Amino acid sequence: MADTGELMIQRASKYLLMLAIAVACPMPLLAQTACPQGVGPGSAQCGPSGGGMGPAPSAPSQPTARWQLTWGAFAKDTNGDVVGTSTGQRSKRAARRAAVDRCTQMGGRSCKSVFEYRHQCAVAAEPIEQADGVTIIFERGPTIDAASASALSICPEQNGGRACEIKFSNCTGPYLVYD
């Protein structure tokens, strides 16, 4: 039995020594898969290997995101009561153009941009009872309620004391753009 115990101790010692060497002296594994015939691994003639000591491939760059603020506009026919609107446009110029185009499509003959807003809400208020010489009031604000309150307080003053109502309201919203 003593021989069996000594034999087990010797085997355990060998395994511990091999484990200690493996842990203390790690050796890189070189494995290249695309070497031409007759060329040894590690040569510059070999293709990439998926591992080894070469630099790690860089991760693909992540797209950056940003909020694109948008514009809206009102255009009015100078000869009538047609009003065209636009919203969600990338620029002030595009918002004006879209509002004028809409005004023209609705029958306006001489449409001009009269009001723009960016990343806000906007309203158009006018007297409930239509009459000659009506002044449409355009207001902007952080919310439709705020813009409406402002327009409804100004509109009667500009229209001979007549009660007014909101005829149009909208908010421009941002959208996410990836660069």
C-alpha atoms as a PDB file:
ATOM      1  CA  MET A   1       0.000   0.000   0.000  1.00  0.00           C
ATOM      2  CA  ALA A   2       2.863   2.362   0.723  1.00  0.00           C
ATOM      3  CA  ASP A   3       3.954   2.053  -2.911  1.00  0.00           C
ATOM      4  CA  THR A   4       0.511   3.022  -4.134  1.00  0.00           C
ATOM      5  CA  GLY A   5       0.485   6.121  -1.910  1.00  0.00           C
ATOM      6  CA  GLU A   6       3.933   7.203  -3.111  1.00  0.00           C
ATOM      7  CA  LEU A   7       2.873   6.616  -6.717  1.00  0.00           C
ATOM      8  CA  MET A   8      -0.196   8.805  -6.250  1.00  0.00           C
ATOM      9  CA  ILE A   9       1.885  11.564  -4.675  1.00  0.00           C
ATOM     10  CA  GLN A  10       4.369  11.432  -7.590  1.00  0.00           C
ATOM     11  CA  ARG A  11       1.561  11.658 -10.156  1.00  0.00           C
ATOM     12  CA  ALA A  12      -0.106  14.521  -8.294  1.00  0.00           C
ATOM     13  CA  SER A  13       3.227  16.336  -8.105  1.00  0.00           C
ATOM     14  CA  LYS A  14       3.733  15.984 -11.893  1.00  0.00           C
ATOM     15  CA  TYR A  15       0.259  17.328 -12.641  1.00  0.00           C
ATOM     16  CA  LEU A  16       0.715  20.238 -10.220  1.00  0.00           C
ATOM     17  CA  LEU A  17       4.118  21.052 -11.763  1.00  0.00           C
ATOM     18  CA  MET A  18       2.625  20.985 -15.297  1.00  0.00           C
ATOM     19  CA  LEU A  19      -0.300  23.134 -14.163  1.00  0.00           C
ATOM     20  CA  ALA A  20       2.049  25.644 -12.512  1.00  0.00           C
ATOM     21  CA  ILE A  21       4.166  25.893 -15.692  1.00  0.00           C
ATOM     22  CA  ALA A  22       1.066  26.346 -17.878  1.00  0.00           C
ATOM     23  CA  VAL A  23      -0.285  29.108 -15.646  1.00  0.00           C
ATOM     24  CA  ALA A  24       3.047  30.878 -15.120  1.00  0.00           C
ATOM     25  CA  CYS A  25       4.159  30.797 -18.760  1.00  0.00           C
ATOM     26  CA  PRO A  26       1.197  31.088 -21.106  1.00  0.00           C
ATOM     27  CA  MET A  27       2.183  30.605 -24.707  1.00  0.00           C
ATOM     28  CA  PRO A  28       0.273  32.316 -27.470  1.00  0.00           C
ATOM     29  CA  LEU A  29      -1.400  30.041 -29.933  1.00  0.00           C
ATOM     30  CA  LEU A  30      -0.500  30.845 -33.490  1.00  0.00           C
ATOM     31  CA  ALA A  31      -2.989  29.592 -36.002  1.00  0.00           C
ATOM     32  CA  GLN A  32      -3.161  31.001 -39.462  1.00  0.00           C
ATOM     33  CA  THR A  33      -5.527  29.399 -41.852  1.00  0.00           C
ATOM     34  CA  ALA A  34      -4.618  30.987 -45.161  1.00  0.00           C
ATOM     35  CA  CYS A  35      -0.948  30.183 -45.715  1.00  0.00           C
ATOM     36  CA  PRO A  36       0.230  29.229 -49.200  1.00  0.00           C
ATOM     37  CA  GLN A  37       1.665  25.764 -49.608  1.00  0.00           C
ATOM     38  CA  GLY A  38       5.219  25.605 -48.324  1.00  0.00           C
ATOM     39  CA  VAL A  39       4.941  28.795 -46.203  1.00  0.00           C
ATOM     40  CA  GLY A  40       5.019  28.388 -42.433  1.00  0.00           C
ATOM     41  CA  PRO A  41       2.540  30.051 -40.054  1.00  0.00           C
ATOM     42  CA  GLY A  42       3.594  33.532 -38.927  1.00  0.00           C
ATOM     43  CA  SER A  43       4.869  34.552 -42.354  1.00  0.00           C
ATOM     44  CA  ALA A  44       3.683  37.818 -43.871  1.00  0.00           C
ATOM     45  CA  GLN A  45       2.474  35.767 -46.848  1.00  0.00           C
ATOM     46  CA  CYS A  46      -0.187  34.120 -44.676  1.00  0.00           C
ATOM     47  CA  GLY A  47      -3.676  35.567 -44.544  1.00  0.00           C
ATOM     48  CA  PRO A  48      -5.512  36.642 -41.418  1.00  0.00           C
ATOM     49  CA  SER A  49      -6.249  34.037 -38.812  1.00  0.00           C
ATOM     50  CA  GLY A  50      -9.073  34.919 -36.500  1.00  0.00           C
ATOM     51  CA  GLY A  51      -6.855  35.082 -33.433  1.00  0.00           C
ATOM     52  CA  GLY A  52      -3.232  35.020 -32.387  1.00  0.00           C
ATOM     53  CA  MET A  53      -1.004  37.892 -31.459  1.00  0.00           C
ATOM     54  CA  GLY A  54      -2.040  40.394 -34.141  1.00  0.00           C
ATOM     55  CA  PRO A  55      -4.091  43.489 -33.335  1.00  0.00           C
ATOM     56  CA  ALA A  56      -7.743  42.906 -32.669  1.00  0.00           C
ATOM     57  CA  PRO A  57     -10.036  44.121 -35.438  1.00  0.00           C
ATOM     58  CA  SER A  58     -11.655  47.434 -34.596  1.00  0.00           C
ATOM     59  CA  ALA A  59     -15.345  47.434 -33.860  1.00  0.00           C
ATOM     60  CA  PRO A  60     -17.573  49.102 -36.439  1.00  0.00           C
ATOM     61  CA  SER A  61     -18.235  52.720 -35.556  1.00  0.00           C
ATOM     62  CA  GLN A  62     -21.594  53.407 -33.966  1.00  0.00           C
ATOM     63  CA  PRO A  63     -23.794  55.968 -35.701  1.00  0.00           C
ATOM     64  CA  THR A  64     -24.389  59.131 -33.753  1.00  0.00           C
ATOM     65  CA  ALA A  65     -27.899  60.426 -33.367  1.00  0.00           C
ATOM     66  CA  ARG A  66     -29.194  63.954 -33.002  1.00  0.00           C
ATOM     67  CA  TRP A  67     -32.583  65.626 -32.963  1.00  0.00           C
ATOM     68  CA  GLN A  68     -33.503  67.597 -36.076  1.00  0.00           C
ATOM     69  CA  LEU A  69     -35.777  70.497 -35.127  1.00  0.00           C
ATOM     70  CA  THR A  70     -38.508  71.313 -37.623  1.00  0.00           C
ATOM     71  CA  TRP A  71     -40.283  74.405 -38.938  1.00  0.00           C
ATOM     72  CA  GLY A  72     -43.871  75.278 -39.689  1.00  0.00           C
ATOM     73  CA  ALA A  73     -45.419  78.272 -41.438  1.00  0.00           C
ATOM     74  CA  PHE A  74     -48.650  80.028 -42.394  1.00  0.00           C
ATOM     75  CA  ALA A  75     -49.235  81.683 -45.774  1.00  0.00           C
ATOM     76  CA  LYS A  76     -52.207  83.949 -46.495  1.00  0.00           C
ATOM     77  CA  ASP A  77     -53.829  85.076 -49.717  1.00  0.00           C
ATOM     78  CA  THR A  78     -53.507  88.870 -49.709  1.00  0.00           C
ATOM     79  CA  ASN A  79     -56.735  89.159 -51.720  1.00  0.00           C
ATOM     80  CA  GLY A  80     -58.896  86.797 -49.694  1.00  0.00           C
ATOM     81  CA  ASP A  81     -59.248  84.671 -46.612  1.00  0.00           C
ATOM     82  CA  VAL A  82     -57.396  81.521 -47.776  1.00  0.00           C
ATOM     83  CA  VAL A  83     -54.658  80.354 -45.381  1.00  0.00           C
ATOM     84  CA  GLY A  84     -52.191  77.580 -46.174  1.00  0.00           C
ATOM     85  CA  THR A  85     -50.122  75.815 -43.530  1.00  0.00           C
ATOM     86  CA  SER A  86     -47.051  73.639 -43.316  1.00  0.00           C
ATOM     87  CA  THR A  87     -45.342  71.729 -40.533  1.00  0.00           C
ATOM     88  CA  GLY A  88     -42.417  69.366 -39.993  1.00  0.00           C
ATOM     89  CA  GLN A  89     -40.142  71.069 -42.526  1.00  0.00           C
ATOM     90  CA  ARG A  90     -36.340  70.955 -42.208  1.00  0.00           C
ATOM     91  CA  SER A  91     -35.825  74.686 -42.850  1.00  0.00           C
ATOM     92  CA  LYS A  92     -37.628  78.001 -42.612  1.00  0.00           C
ATOM     93  CA  ARG A  93     -37.456  78.374 -46.388  1.00  0.00           C
ATOM     94  CA  ALA A  94     -39.014  74.919 -46.944  1.00  0.00           C
ATOM     95  CA  ALA A  95     -41.777  75.700 -44.434  1.00  0.00           C
ATOM     96  CA  ARG A  96     -42.590  78.996 -46.154  1.00  0.00           C
ATOM     97  CA  ARG A  97     -42.599  77.398 -49.592  1.00  0.00           C
ATOM     98  CA  ALA A  98     -44.848  74.515 -48.459  1.00  0.00           C
ATOM     99  CA  ALA A  99     -47.328  76.931 -46.814  1.00  0.00           C
ATOM    100  CA  VAL A 100     -47.483  79.124 -49.937  1.00  0.00           C
ATOM    101  CA  ASP A 101     -47.976  76.030 -52.118  1.00  0.00           C
ATOM    102  CA  ARG A 102     -50.792  74.821 -49.863  1.00  0.00           C
ATOM    103  CA  CYS A 103     -52.434  78.259 -49.913  1.00  0.00           C
ATOM    104  CA  THR A 104     -52.303  78.250 -53.724  1.00  0.00           C
ATOM    105  CA  GLN A 105     -53.722  74.701 -53.888  1.00  0.00           C
ATOM    106  CA  MET A 106     -56.647  75.868 -51.739  1.00  0.00           C
ATOM    107  CA  GLY A 107     -57.502  78.595 -54.248  1.00  0.00           C
ATOM    108  CA  GLY A 108     -55.350  81.524 -53.131  1.00  0.00           C
ATOM    109  CA  ARG A 109     -54.173  83.723 -55.986  1.00  0.00           C
ATOM    110  CA  SER A 110     -51.624  85.910 -54.254  1.00  0.00           C
ATOM    111  CA  CYS A 111     -50.303  83.851 -51.313  1.00  0.00           C
ATOM    112  CA  LYS A 112     -47.511  85.202 -49.114  1.00  0.00           C
ATOM    113  CA  SER A 113     -45.811  83.641 -46.124  1.00  0.00           C
ATOM    114  CA  VAL A 114     -46.919  85.589 -43.036  1.00  0.00           C
ATOM    115  CA  PHE A 115     -45.774  83.578 -40.002  1.00  0.00           C
ATOM    116  CA  GLU A 116     -43.126  80.946 -39.185  1.00  0.00           C
ATOM    117  CA  TYR A 117     -42.384  78.878 -36.107  1.00  0.00           C
ATOM    118  CA  ARG A 118     -39.633  76.448 -35.143  1.00  0.00           C
ATOM    119  CA  HIS A 119     -39.878  73.627 -32.609  1.00  0.00           C
ATOM    120  CA  GLN A 120     -42.974  75.220 -31.114  1.00  0.00           C
ATOM    121  CA  CYS A 121     -46.714  75.207 -31.360  1.00  0.00           C
ATOM    122  CA  ALA A 122     -48.644  77.789 -33.367  1.00  0.00           C
ATOM    123  CA  VAL A 123     -52.279  78.830 -33.748  1.00  0.00           C
ATOM    124  CA  ALA A 124     -54.372  81.033 -36.003  1.00  0.00           C
ATOM    125  CA  ALA A 125     -57.318  82.858 -34.412  1.00  0.00           C
ATOM    126  CA  GLU A 126     -60.027  84.935 -36.070  1.00  0.00           C
ATOM    127  CA  PRO A 127     -63.467  86.312 -35.168  1.00  0.00           C
ATOM    128  CA  ILE A 128     -66.267  83.771 -34.904  1.00  0.00           C
ATOM    129  CA  GLU A 129     -68.553  86.007 -36.972  1.00  0.00           C
ATOM    130  CA  GLN A 130     -66.942  86.873 -40.262  1.00  0.00           C
ATOM    131  CA  ALA A 131     -67.008  90.454 -41.471  1.00  0.00           C
ATOM    132  CA  ASP A 132     -64.998  92.687 -43.779  1.00  0.00           C
ATOM    133  CA  GLY A 133     -61.607  93.744 -42.454  1.00  0.00           C
ATOM    134  CA  VAL A 134     -61.001  90.662 -40.302  1.00  0.00           C
ATOM    135  CA  THR A 135     -57.487  90.387 -38.902  1.00  0.00           C
ATOM    136  CA  ILE A 136     -56.208  86.832 -38.417  1.00  0.00           C
ATOM    137  CA  ILE A 137     -53.951  86.561 -35.385  1.00  0.00           C
ATOM    138  CA  PHE A 138     -51.030  84.113 -35.510  1.00  0.00           C
ATOM    139  CA  GLU A 139     -49.266  83.207 -32.259  1.00  0.00           C
ATOM    140  CA  ARG A 140     -46.630  80.698 -31.194  1.00  0.00           C
ATOM    141  CA  GLY A 141     -45.870  79.155 -27.826  1.00  0.00           C
ATOM    142  CA  PRO A 142     -44.438  76.115 -26.050  1.00  0.00           C
ATOM    143  CA  THR A 143     -47.878  74.421 -26.101  1.00  0.00           C
ATOM    144  CA  ILE A 144     -51.105  74.811 -28.065  1.00  0.00           C
ATOM    145  CA  ASP A 145     -52.814  76.030 -24.897  1.00  0.00           C
ATOM    146  CA  ALA A 146     -50.209  78.758 -24.334  1.00  0.00           C
ATOM    147  CA  ALA A 147     -50.324  79.926 -27.959  1.00  0.00           C
ATOM    148  CA  SER A 148     -54.149  79.822 -27.927  1.00  0.00           C
ATOM    149  CA  ALA A 149     -54.392  81.889 -24.735  1.00  0.00           C
ATOM    150  CA  SER A 150     -52.134  84.544 -26.230  1.00  0.00           C
ATOM    151  CA  ALA A 151     -53.986  84.638 -29.583  1.00  0.00           C
ATOM    152  CA  LEU A 152     -57.432  84.722 -27.973  1.00  0.00           C
ATOM    153  CA  SER A 153     -56.438  87.681 -25.789  1.00  0.00           C
ATOM    154  CA  ILE A 154     -55.094  89.705 -28.756  1.00  0.00           C
ATOM    155  CA  CYS A 155     -57.682  88.774 -31.416  1.00  0.00           C
ATOM    156  CA  PRO A 156     -60.699  90.719 -30.013  1.00  0.00           C
ATOM    157  CA  GLU A 157     -58.557  93.848 -29.575  1.00  0.00           C
ATOM    158  CA  GLN A 158     -57.558  93.674 -33.252  1.00  0.00           C
ATOM    159  CA  ASN A 159     -61.097  92.915 -34.468  1.00  0.00           C
ATOM    160  CA  GLY A 160     -63.375  95.525 -32.917  1.00  0.00           C
ATOM    161  CA  GLY A 161     -64.085  93.542 -29.741  1.00  0.00           C
ATOM    162  CA  ARG A 162     -65.609  90.553 -31.571  1.00  0.00           C
ATOM    163  CA  ALA A 163     -65.212  87.141 -29.912  1.00  0.00           C
ATOM    164  CA  CYS A 164     -62.605  84.948 -31.591  1.00  0.00           C
ATOM    165  CA  GLU A 165     -61.884  81.260 -31.989  1.00  0.00           C
ATOM    166  CA  ILE A 166     -58.868  79.165 -32.909  1.00  0.00           C
ATOM    167  CA  LYS A 167     -59.137  78.086 -36.559  1.00  0.00           C
ATOM    168  CA  PHE A 168     -55.875  76.128 -36.745  1.00  0.00           C
ATOM    169  CA  SER A 169     -53.357  74.725 -34.288  1.00  0.00           C
ATOM    170  CA  ASN A 170     -50.297  72.570 -34.693  1.00  0.00           C
ATOM    171  CA  CYS A 171     -46.892  71.820 -33.175  1.00  0.00           C
ATOM    172  CA  THR A 172     -43.700  71.035 -35.007  1.00  0.00           C
ATOM    173  CA  GLY A 173     -41.934  67.987 -33.659  1.00  0.00           C
ATOM    174  CA  PRO A 174     -38.302  66.979 -33.883  1.00  0.00           C
ATOM    175  CA  TYR A 175     -37.204  63.737 -35.462  1.00  0.00           C
ATOM    176  CA  LEU A 176     -34.109  61.624 -34.873  1.00  0.00           C
ATOM    177  CA  VAL A 177     -31.356  61.791 -37.486  1.00  0.00           C
ATOM    178  CA  TYR A 178     -28.467  59.304 -37.598  1.00  0.00           C
ATOM    179  CA  ASP A 179     -25.122  60.599 -38.869  1.00  0.00           C
END
